[in-house]
Amino acid sequence: MDWDKLAGDWSGMSGKVRQQWGKLTEDDISQAGGKRDLLLERIRERYGLGPDEAEKQLSEWGSAEDPGNANQSVSTGDAGSGNKGGQSSGQNGTV
């Protein structure tokens, strides 16, 4: 994630920040002004998170929002399940 890019478009990012962390006020977001450490502090305050959890959330969000990482978002899909034929263990069907 390139935080400088996100901070450079802070006016455009503020709505996305608010979407992710709805407990943040408009003042919280505008006062952070694209400064990562201030945003991190506000997230911790509003959500009662420890430093590690707040950092994790902010890093994951930033990576997903970074235009340079468009194809590198975190995903937990089932692409590797190989279960497209409907014959998985645990199915109780008759032939």
PDB file of N, CA and C in Angstrom:
ATOM      1  N   MET A   1       0.832  -1.171   0.000  1.00  0.00           N
ATOM      2  CA  MET A   1       0.000   0.000   0.000  1.00  0.00           C
ATOM      3  C   MET A   1       0.878   1.235   0.000  1.00  0.00           C
ATOM      4  N   ASP A   2       0.507   2.188  -0.794  1.00  0.00           N
ATOM      5  CA  ASP A   2       1.211   3.467  -0.826  1.00  0.00           C
ATOM      6  C   ASP A   2       0.340   4.503  -0.126  1.00  0.00           C
ATOM      7  N   TRP A   3       0.622   4.737   1.150  1.00  0.00           N
ATOM      8  CA  TRP A   3      -0.216   5.643   1.934  1.00  0.00           C
ATOM      9  C   TRP A   3      -0.184   7.051   1.369  1.00  0.00           C
ATOM     10  N   ASP A   4       0.919   7.453   0.754  1.00  0.00           N
ATOM     11  CA  ASP A   4       1.003   8.794   0.169  1.00  0.00           C
ATOM     12  C   ASP A   4      -0.055   8.993  -0.914  1.00  0.00           C
ATOM     13  N   LYS A   5      -0.313   7.959  -1.696  1.00  0.00           N
ATOM     14  CA  LYS A   5      -1.356   8.052  -2.728  1.00  0.00           C
ATOM     15  C   LYS A   5      -2.726   8.223  -2.091  1.00  0.00           C
ATOM     16  N   LEU A   6      -2.984   7.433  -1.040  1.00  0.00           N
ATOM     17  CA  LEU A   6      -4.278   7.548  -0.363  1.00  0.00           C
ATOM     18  C   LEU A   6      -4.430   8.918   0.279  1.00  0.00           C
ATOM     19  N   ALA A   7      -3.387   9.385   0.927  1.00  0.00           N
ATOM     20  CA  ALA A   7      -3.432  10.689   1.587  1.00  0.00           C
ATOM     21  C   ALA A   7      -3.578  11.817   0.571  1.00  0.00           C
ATOM     22  N   GLY A   8      -2.987  11.636  -0.605  1.00  0.00           N
ATOM     23  CA  GLY A   8      -3.065  12.659  -1.648  1.00  0.00           C
ATOM     24  C   GLY A   8      -4.475  12.860  -2.169  1.00  0.00           C
ATOM     25  N   ASP A   9      -5.314  11.847  -2.041  1.00  0.00           N
ATOM     26  CA  ASP A   9      -6.708  11.939  -2.472  1.00  0.00           C
ATOM     27  C   ASP A   9      -7.626  11.810  -1.264  1.00  0.00           C
ATOM     28  N   TRP A  10      -7.256  12.448  -0.172  1.00  0.00           N
ATOM     29  CA  TRP A  10      -7.993  12.270   1.073  1.00  0.00           C
ATOM     30  C   TRP A  10      -9.444  12.690   0.955  1.00  0.00           C
ATOM     31  N   SER A  11      -9.719  13.750   0.199  1.00  0.00           N
ATOM     32  CA  SER A  11     -11.116  14.179   0.060  1.00  0.00           C
ATOM     33  C   SER A  11     -11.947  13.091  -0.615  1.00  0.00           C
ATOM     34  N   GLY A  12     -11.345  12.375  -1.551  1.00  0.00           N
ATOM     35  CA  GLY A  12     -12.056  11.278  -2.204  1.00  0.00           C
ATOM     36  C   GLY A  12     -12.102  10.025  -1.345  1.00  0.00           C
ATOM     37  N   MET A  13     -11.133   9.873  -0.454  1.00  0.00           N
ATOM     38  CA  MET A  13     -11.049   8.673   0.374  1.00  0.00           C
ATOM     39  C   MET A  13     -11.883   8.778   1.640  1.00  0.00           C
ATOM     40  N   SER A  14     -12.231   9.981   2.051  1.00  0.00           N
ATOM     41  CA  SER A  14     -12.919  10.148   3.330  1.00  0.00           C
ATOM     42  C   SER A  14     -14.247   9.389   3.373  1.00  0.00           C
ATOM     43  N   GLY A  15     -14.951   9.350   2.272  1.00  0.00           N
ATOM     44  CA  GLY A  15     -16.205   8.586   2.226  1.00  0.00           C
ATOM     45  C   GLY A  15     -15.968   7.095   2.382  1.00  0.00           C
ATOM     46  N   LYS A  16     -14.889   6.613   1.813  1.00  0.00           N
ATOM     47  CA  LYS A  16     -14.552   5.194   1.935  1.00  0.00           C
ATOM     48  C   LYS A  16     -14.110   4.854   3.353  1.00  0.00           C
ATOM     49  N   VAL A  17     -13.419   5.801   3.978  1.00  0.00           N
ATOM     50  CA  VAL A  17     -13.020   5.611   5.380  1.00  0.00           C
ATOM     51  C   VAL A  17     -14.276   5.506   6.233  1.00  0.00           C
ATOM     52  N   ARG A  18     -15.218   6.388   5.977  1.00  0.00           N
ATOM     53  CA  ARG A  18     -16.473   6.408   6.744  1.00  0.00           C
ATOM     54  C   ARG A  18     -17.270   5.132   6.516  1.00  0.00           C
ATOM     55  N   GLN A  19     -17.222   4.588   5.299  1.00  0.00           N
ATOM     56  CA  GLN A  19     -17.893   3.321   5.005  1.00  0.00           C
ATOM     57  C   GLN A  19     -17.297   2.191   5.827  1.00  0.00           C
ATOM     58  N   GLN A  20     -15.989   2.166   5.908  1.00  0.00           N
ATOM     59  CA  GLN A  20     -15.294   1.094   6.621  1.00  0.00           C
ATOM     60  C   GLN A  20     -15.455   1.223   8.132  1.00  0.00           C
ATOM     61  N   TRP A  21     -15.333   2.434   8.647  1.00  0.00           N
ATOM     62  CA  TRP A  21     -15.395   2.683  10.080  1.00  0.00           C
ATOM     63  C   TRP A  21     -16.487   3.708  10.357  1.00  0.00           C
ATOM     64  N   GLY A  22     -17.719   3.256  10.399  1.00  0.00           N
ATOM     65  CA  GLY A  22     -18.882   4.128  10.537  1.00  0.00           C
ATOM     66  C   GLY A  22     -18.955   4.892  11.853  1.00  0.00           C
ATOM     67  N   LYS A  23     -18.223   4.444  12.854  1.00  0.00           N
ATOM     68  CA  LYS A  23     -18.231   5.166  14.135  1.00  0.00           C
ATOM     69  C   LYS A  23     -17.371   6.425  14.094  1.00  0.00           C
ATOM     70  N   LEU A  24     -16.542   6.554  13.082  1.00  0.00           N
ATOM     71  CA  LEU A  24     -15.737   7.771  12.958  1.00  0.00           C
ATOM     72  C   LEU A  24     -16.640   8.916  12.520  1.00  0.00           C
ATOM     73  N   THR A  25     -16.443  10.065  13.127  1.00  0.00           N
ATOM     74  CA  THR A  25     -17.218  11.237  12.740  1.00  0.00           C
ATOM     75  C   THR A  25     -16.531  11.933  11.563  1.00  0.00           C
ATOM     76  N   GLU A  26     -17.270  12.835  10.942  1.00  0.00           N
ATOM     77  CA  GLU A  26     -16.673  13.624   9.861  1.00  0.00           C
ATOM     78  C   GLU A  26     -15.478  14.420  10.396  1.00  0.00           C
ATOM     79  N   ASP A  27     -15.604  14.913  11.616  1.00  0.00           N
ATOM     80  CA  ASP A  27     -14.491  15.643  12.232  1.00  0.00           C
ATOM     81  C   ASP A  27     -13.271  14.746  12.430  1.00  0.00           C
ATOM     82  N   ASP A  28     -13.505  13.509  12.884  1.00  0.00           N
ATOM     83  CA  ASP A  28     -12.398  12.568  13.056  1.00  0.00           C
ATOM     84  C   ASP A  28     -11.625  12.413  11.749  1.00  0.00           C
ATOM     85  N   ILE A  29     -12.379  12.222  10.687  1.00  0.00           N
ATOM     86  CA  ILE A  29     -11.765  11.967   9.381  1.00  0.00           C
ATOM     87  C   ILE A  29     -11.067  13.208   8.843  1.00  0.00           C
ATOM     88  N   SER A  30     -11.731  14.357   8.950  1.00  0.00           N
ATOM     89  CA  SER A  30     -11.101  15.572   8.424  1.00  0.00           C
ATOM     90  C   SER A  30      -9.884  15.971   9.254  1.00  0.00           C
ATOM     91  N   GLN A  31      -9.936  15.766  10.566  1.00  0.00           N
ATOM     92  CA  GLN A  31      -8.786  16.087  11.411  1.00  0.00           C
ATOM     93  C   GLN A  31      -7.607  15.167  11.112  1.00  0.00           C
ATOM     94  N   ALA A  32      -7.896  13.925  10.769  1.00  0.00           N
ATOM     95  CA  ALA A  32      -6.813  13.011  10.393  1.00  0.00           C
ATOM     96  C   ALA A  32      -6.131  13.529   9.137  1.00  0.00           C
ATOM     97  N   GLY A  33      -6.916  14.085   8.234  1.00  0.00           N
ATOM     98  CA  GLY A  33      -6.365  14.746   7.054  1.00  0.00           C
ATOM     99  C   GLY A  33      -5.393  13.914   6.237  1.00  0.00           C
ATOM    100  N   GLY A  34      -5.597  12.614   6.220  1.00  0.00           N
ATOM    101  CA  GLY A  34      -4.710  11.747   5.438  1.00  0.00           C
ATOM    102  C   GLY A  34      -3.488  11.284   6.210  1.00  0.00           C
ATOM    103  N   LYS A  35      -3.366  11.721   7.445  1.00  0.00           N
ATOM    104  CA  LYS A  35      -2.228  11.298   8.268  1.00  0.00           C
ATOM    105  C   LYS A  35      -2.563   9.959   8.909  1.00  0.00           C
ATOM    106  N   ARG A  36      -1.799   8.966   8.525  1.00  0.00           N
ATOM    107  CA  ARG A  36      -2.072   7.591   8.935  1.00  0.00           C
ATOM    108  C   ARG A  36      -2.106   7.433  10.449  1.00  0.00           C
ATOM    109  N   ASP A  37      -1.148   8.008  11.151  1.00  0.00           N
ATOM    110  CA  ASP A  37      -1.080   7.838  12.599  1.00  0.00           C
ATOM    111  C   ASP A  37      -2.283   8.455  13.306  1.00  0.00           C
ATOM    112  N   LEU A  38      -2.782   9.579  12.796  1.00  0.00           N
ATOM    113  CA  LEU A  38      -3.963  10.197  13.400  1.00  0.00           C
ATOM    114  C   LEU A  38      -5.219   9.374  13.130  1.00  0.00           C
ATOM    115  N   LEU A  39      -5.334   8.846  11.932  1.00  0.00           N
ATOM    116  CA  LEU A  39      -6.477   7.997  11.612  1.00  0.00           C
ATOM    117  C   LEU A  39      -6.446   6.741  12.475  1.00  0.00           C
ATOM    118  N   LEU A  40      -5.284   6.164  12.626  1.00  0.00           N
ATOM    119  CA  LEU A  40      -5.124   4.967  13.449  1.00  0.00           C
ATOM    120  C   LEU A  40      -5.549   5.248  14.896  1.00  0.00           C
ATOM    121  N   GLU A  41      -5.146   6.397  15.411  1.00  0.00           N
ATOM    122  CA  GLU A  41      -5.520   6.790  16.766  1.00  0.00           C
ATOM    123  C   GLU A  41      -7.029   6.921  16.912  1.00  0.00           C
ATOM    124  N   ARG A  42      -7.675   7.544  15.927  1.00  0.00           N
ATOM    125  CA  ARG A  42      -9.132   7.722  15.984  1.00  0.00           C
ATOM    126  C   ARG A  42      -9.857   6.383  15.907  1.00  0.00           C
ATOM    127  N   ILE A  43      -9.369   5.487  15.076  1.00  0.00           N
ATOM    128  CA  ILE A  43      -9.977   4.151  14.969  1.00  0.00           C
ATOM    129  C   ILE A  43      -9.877   3.436  16.316  1.00  0.00           C
ATOM    130  N   ARG A  44      -8.717   3.522  16.930  1.00  0.00           N
ATOM    131  CA  ARG A  44      -8.520   2.886  18.239  1.00  0.00           C
ATOM    132  C   ARG A  44      -9.470   3.473  19.278  1.00  0.00           C
ATOM    133  N   GLU A  45      -9.598   4.780  19.283  1.00  0.00           N
ATOM    134  CA  GLU A  45     -10.460   5.451  20.259  1.00  0.00           C
ATOM    135  C   GLU A  45     -11.926   5.063  20.075  1.00  0.00           C
ATOM    136  N   ARG A  46     -12.416   5.148  18.852  1.00  0.00           N
ATOM    137  CA  ARG A  46     -13.844   4.915  18.596  1.00  0.00           C
ATOM    138  C   ARG A  46     -14.250   3.452  18.753  1.00  0.00           C
ATOM    139  N   TYR A  47     -13.342   2.547  18.439  1.00  0.00           N
ATOM    140  CA  TYR A  47     -13.681   1.122  18.456  1.00  0.00           C
ATOM    141  C   TYR A  47     -13.084   0.374  19.644  1.00  0.00           C
ATOM    142  N   GLY A  48     -12.291   1.043  20.466  1.00  0.00           N
ATOM    143  CA  GLY A  48     -11.693   0.395  21.617  1.00  0.00           C
ATOM    144  C   GLY A  48     -10.749  -0.733  21.248  1.00  0.00           C
ATOM    145  N   LEU A  49     -10.035  -0.559  20.147  1.00  0.00           N
ATOM    146  CA  LEU A  49      -9.123  -1.592  19.664  1.00  0.00           C
ATOM    147  C   LEU A  49      -7.723  -1.401  20.217  1.00  0.00           C
ATOM    148  N   GLY A  50      -7.019  -2.496  20.345  1.00  0.00           N
ATOM    149  CA  GLY A  50      -5.610  -2.432  20.700  1.00  0.00           C
ATOM    150  C   GLY A  50      -4.807  -2.001  19.488  1.00  0.00           C
ATOM    151  N   PRO A  51      -3.563  -1.646  19.698  1.00  0.00           N
ATOM    152  CA  PRO A  51      -2.743  -1.147  18.588  1.00  0.00           C
ATOM    153  C   PRO A  51      -2.561  -2.163  17.470  1.00  0.00           C
ATOM    154  N   ASP A  52      -2.405  -3.431  17.804  1.00  0.00           N
ATOM    155  CA  ASP A  52      -2.177  -4.439  16.765  1.00  0.00           C
ATOM    156  C   ASP A  52      -3.405  -4.652  15.889  1.00  0.00           C
ATOM    157  N   GLU A  53      -4.582  -4.733  16.515  1.00  0.00           N
ATOM    158  CA  GLU A  53      -5.810  -4.950  15.752  1.00  0.00           C
ATOM    159  C   GLU A  53      -6.133  -3.740  14.886  1.00  0.00           C
ATOM    160  N   ALA A  54      -5.979  -2.549  15.428  1.00  0.00           N
ATOM    161  CA  ALA A  54      -6.244  -1.334  14.650  1.00  0.00           C
ATOM    162  C   ALA A  54      -5.289  -1.252  13.458  1.00  0.00           C
ATOM    163  N   GLU A  55      -4.036  -1.568  13.693  1.00  0.00           N
ATOM    164  CA  GLU A  55      -3.040  -1.555  12.614  1.00  0.00           C
ATOM    165  C   GLU A  55      -3.401  -2.571  11.532  1.00  0.00           C
ATOM    166  N   LYS A  56      -3.822  -3.746  11.951  1.00  0.00           N
ATOM    167  CA  LYS A  56      -4.202  -4.793  10.999  1.00  0.00           C
ATOM    168  C   LYS A  56      -5.369  -4.331  10.131  1.00  0.00           C
ATOM    169  N   GLN A  57      -6.396  -3.778  10.769  1.00  0.00           N
ATOM    170  CA  GLN A  57      -7.560  -3.316  10.012  1.00  0.00           C
ATOM    171  C   GLN A  57      -7.187  -2.222   9.026  1.00  0.00           C
ATOM    172  N   LEU A  58      -6.397  -1.268   9.479  1.00  0.00           N
ATOM    173  CA  LEU A  58      -6.019  -0.155   8.608  1.00  0.00           C
ATOM    174  C   LEU A  58      -5.145  -0.637   7.454  1.00  0.00           C
ATOM    175  N   SER A  59      -4.233  -1.546   7.727  1.00  0.00           N
ATOM    176  CA  SER A  59      -3.362  -2.074   6.670  1.00  0.00           C
ATOM    177  C   SER A  59      -4.155  -2.848   5.628  1.00  0.00           C
ATOM    178  N   GLU A  60      -5.083  -3.690   6.098  1.00  0.00           N
ATOM    179  CA  GLU A  60      -5.908  -4.467   5.160  1.00  0.00           C
ATOM    180  C   GLU A  60      -6.779  -3.548   4.312  1.00  0.00           C
ATOM    181  N   TRP A  61      -7.384  -2.550   4.943  1.00  0.00           N
ATOM    182  CA  TRP A  61      -8.214  -1.611   4.211  1.00  0.00           C
ATOM    183  C   TRP A  61      -7.383  -0.835   3.199  1.00  0.00           C
ATOM    184  N   GLY A  62      -6.226  -0.357   3.627  1.00  0.00           N
ATOM    185  CA  GLY A  62      -5.361   0.417   2.742  1.00  0.00           C
ATOM    186  C   GLY A  62      -4.900  -0.386   1.551  1.00  0.00           C
ATOM    187  N   SER A  63      -4.593  -1.654   1.773  1.00  0.00           N
ATOM    188  CA  SER A  63      -4.169  -2.512   0.664  1.00  0.00           C
ATOM    189  C   SER A  63      -5.291  -2.710  -0.331  1.00  0.00           C
ATOM    190  N   ALA A  64      -6.498  -2.850   0.157  1.00  0.00           N
ATOM    191  CA  ALA A  64      -7.650  -3.035  -0.729  1.00  0.00           C
ATOM    192  C   ALA A  64      -7.973  -1.760  -1.500  1.00  0.00           C
ATOM    193  N   GLU A  65      -7.724  -0.603  -0.900  1.00  0.00           N
ATOM    194  CA  GLU A  65      -8.037   0.678  -1.533  1.00  0.00           C
ATOM    195  C   GLU A  65      -6.924   1.206  -2.423  1.00  0.00           C
ATOM    196  N   ASP A  66      -5.728   0.686  -2.276  1.00  0.00           N
ATOM    197  CA  ASP A  66      -4.587   1.169  -3.052  1.00  0.00           C
ATOM    198  C   ASP A  66      -4.771   0.794  -4.520  1.00  0.00           C
ATOM    199  N   PRO A  67      -4.879   1.776  -5.413  1.00  0.00           N
ATOM    200  CA  PRO A  67      -5.075   1.485  -6.831  1.00  0.00           C
ATOM    201  C   PRO A  67      -3.970   0.599  -7.414  1.00  0.00           C
ATOM    202  N   GLY A  68      -2.794   0.641  -6.852  1.00  0.00           N
ATOM    203  CA  GLY A  68      -1.692  -0.182  -7.331  1.00  0.00           C
ATOM    204  C   GLY A  68      -1.825  -1.638  -6.950  1.00  0.00           C
ATOM    205  N   ASN A  69      -2.729  -1.943  -6.029  1.00  0.00           N
ATOM    206  CA  ASN A  69      -2.926  -3.314  -5.581  1.00  0.00           C
ATOM    207  C   ASN A  69      -4.301  -3.843  -5.969  1.00  0.00           C
ATOM    208  N   ALA A  70      -4.832  -3.393  -7.078  1.00  0.00           N
ATOM    209  CA  ALA A  70      -6.183  -3.763  -7.467  1.00  0.00           C
ATOM    210  C   ALA A  70      -6.388  -5.267  -7.551  1.00  0.00           C
ATOM    211  N   ASN A  71      -5.377  -6.009  -7.947  1.00  0.00           N
ATOM    212  CA  ASN A  71      -5.514  -7.453  -8.082  1.00  0.00           C
ATOM    213  C   ASN A  71      -4.963  -8.211  -6.887  1.00  0.00           C
ATOM    214  N   GLN A  72      -4.652  -7.515  -5.806  1.00  0.00           N
ATOM    215  CA  GLN A  72      -4.045  -8.168  -4.657  1.00  0.00           C
ATOM    216  C   GLN A  72      -4.882  -8.028  -3.406  1.00  0.00           C
ATOM    217  N   SER A  73      -6.190  -7.877  -3.549  1.00  0.00           N
ATOM    218  CA  SER A  73      -7.021  -7.748  -2.365  1.00  0.00           C
ATOM    219  C   SER A  73      -7.123  -9.081  -1.646  1.00  0.00           C
ATOM    220  N   VAL A  74      -7.366  -8.995  -0.357  1.00  0.00           N
ATOM    221  CA  VAL A  74      -7.472 -10.199   0.449  1.00  0.00           C
ATOM    222  C   VAL A  74      -8.780 -10.883   0.109  1.00  0.00           C
ATOM    223  N   SER A  75      -8.721 -12.170  -0.162  1.00  0.00           N
ATOM    224  CA  SER A  75      -9.908 -12.920  -0.537  1.00  0.00           C
ATOM    225  C   SER A  75      -9.917 -14.255   0.175  1.00  0.00           C
ATOM    226  N   THR A  76     -11.105 -14.689   0.565  1.00  0.00           N
ATOM    227  CA  THR A  76     -11.230 -16.005   1.187  1.00  0.00           C
ATOM    228  C   THR A  76     -12.217 -16.848   0.400  1.00  0.00           C
ATOM    229  N   GLY A  77     -12.200 -16.715  -0.902  1.00  0.00           N
ATOM    230  CA  GLY A  77     -13.118 -17.453  -1.755  1.00  0.00           C
ATOM    231  C   GLY A  77     -12.819 -18.935  -1.771  1.00  0.00           C
ATOM    232  N   ASP A  78     -13.651 -19.679  -2.479  1.00  0.00           N
ATOM    233  CA  ASP A  78     -13.477 -21.131  -2.529  1.00  0.00           C
ATOM    234  C   ASP A  78     -12.944 -21.585  -3.878  1.00  0.00           C
ATOM    235  N   ALA A  79     -12.139 -20.766  -4.508  1.00  0.00           N
ATOM    236  CA  ALA A  79     -11.641 -21.064  -5.850  1.00  0.00           C
ATOM    237  C   ALA A  79     -10.862 -22.370  -5.897  1.00  0.00           C
ATOM    238  N   GLY A  80     -10.235 -22.757  -4.806  1.00  0.00           N
ATOM    239  CA  GLY A  80      -9.424 -23.959  -4.812  1.00  0.00           C
ATOM    240  C   GLY A  80     -10.147 -25.183  -4.304  1.00  0.00           C
ATOM    241  N   SER A  81     -11.451 -25.105  -4.092  1.00  0.00           N
ATOM    242  CA  SER A  81     -12.156 -26.229  -3.496  1.00  0.00           C
ATOM    243  C   SER A  81     -12.280 -27.405  -4.448  1.00  0.00           C
ATOM    244  N   GLY A  82     -12.319 -27.149  -5.741  1.00  0.00           N
ATOM    245  CA  GLY A  82     -12.430 -28.235  -6.712  1.00  0.00           C
ATOM    246  C   GLY A  82     -13.706 -29.033  -6.543  1.00  0.00           C
ATOM    247  N   ASN A  83     -14.744 -28.415  -6.063  1.00  0.00           N
ATOM    248  CA  ASN A  83     -15.969 -29.124  -5.750  1.00  0.00           C
ATOM    249  C   ASN A  83     -17.104 -28.669  -6.645  1.00  0.00           C
ATOM    250  N   LYS A  84     -16.882 -28.669  -7.939  1.00  0.00           N
ATOM    251  CA  LYS A  84     -17.891 -28.171  -8.858  1.00  0.00           C
ATOM    252  C   LYS A  84     -18.823 -29.271  -9.345  1.00  0.00           C
ATOM    253  N   GLY A  85     -18.457 -30.533  -9.122  1.00  0.00           N
ATOM    254  CA  GLY A  85     -19.284 -31.626  -9.609  1.00  0.00           C
ATOM    255  C   GLY A  85     -20.385 -32.032  -8.665  1.00  0.00           C
ATOM    256  N   GLY A  86     -20.446 -31.421  -7.494  1.00  0.00           N
ATOM    257  CA  GLY A  86     -21.515 -31.724  -6.556  1.00  0.00           C
ATOM    258  C   GLY A  86     -21.276 -33.008  -5.787  1.00  0.00           C
ATOM    259  N   GLN A  87     -20.114 -33.608  -5.886  1.00  0.00           N
ATOM    260  CA  GLN A  87     -19.836 -34.844  -5.165  1.00  0.00           C
ATOM    261  C   GLN A  87     -18.793 -34.594  -4.098  1.00  0.00           C
ATOM    262  N   SER A  88     -19.241 -34.059  -3.003  1.00  0.00           N
ATOM    263  CA  SER A  88     -18.296 -33.809  -1.930  1.00  0.00           C
ATOM    264  C   SER A  88     -18.578 -34.782  -0.803  1.00  0.00           C
ATOM    265  N   SER A  89     -17.577 -34.996   0.004  1.00  0.00           N
ATOM    266  CA  SER A  89     -17.818 -35.837   1.165  1.00  0.00           C
ATOM    267  C   SER A  89     -18.810 -35.099   2.053  1.00  0.00           C
ATOM    268  N   GLY A  90     -19.681 -35.815   2.649  1.00  0.00           N
ATOM    269  CA  GLY A  90     -20.688 -35.178   3.497  1.00  0.00           C
ATOM    270  C   GLY A  90     -22.017 -35.015   2.821  1.00  0.00           C
ATOM    271  N   GLN A  91     -22.114 -35.186   1.515  1.00  0.00           N
ATOM    272  CA  GLN A  91     -23.387 -35.094   0.838  1.00  0.00           C
ATOM    273  C   GLN A  91     -24.090 -36.446   0.972  1.00  0.00           C
ATOM    274  N   ASN A  92     -25.363 -36.405   1.225  1.00  0.00           N
ATOM    275  CA  ASN A  92     -26.119 -37.632   1.384  1.00  0.00           C
ATOM    276  C   ASN A  92     -27.135 -37.717   0.264  1.00  0.00           C
ATOM    277  N   GLY A  93     -26.730 -38.256  -0.846  1.00  0.00           N
ATOM    278  CA  GLY A  93     -27.621 -38.338  -1.990  1.00  0.00           C
ATOM    279  C   GLY A  93     -27.750 -39.763  -2.474  1.00  0.00           C
ATOM    280  N   THR A  94     -28.782 -40.033  -3.255  1.00  0.00           N
ATOM    281  CA  THR A  94     -28.958 -41.350  -3.821  1.00  0.00           C
ATOM    282  C   THR A  94     -28.788 -41.273  -5.317  1.00  0.00           C
ATOM    283  N   VAL A  95     -28.394 -42.369  -5.898  1.00  0.00           N
ATOM    284  CA  VAL A  95     -28.148 -42.399  -7.334  1.00  0.00           C
ATOM    285  C   VAL A  95     -29.313 -42.974  -8.055  1.00  0.00           C
TER     286      VAL A  95
END
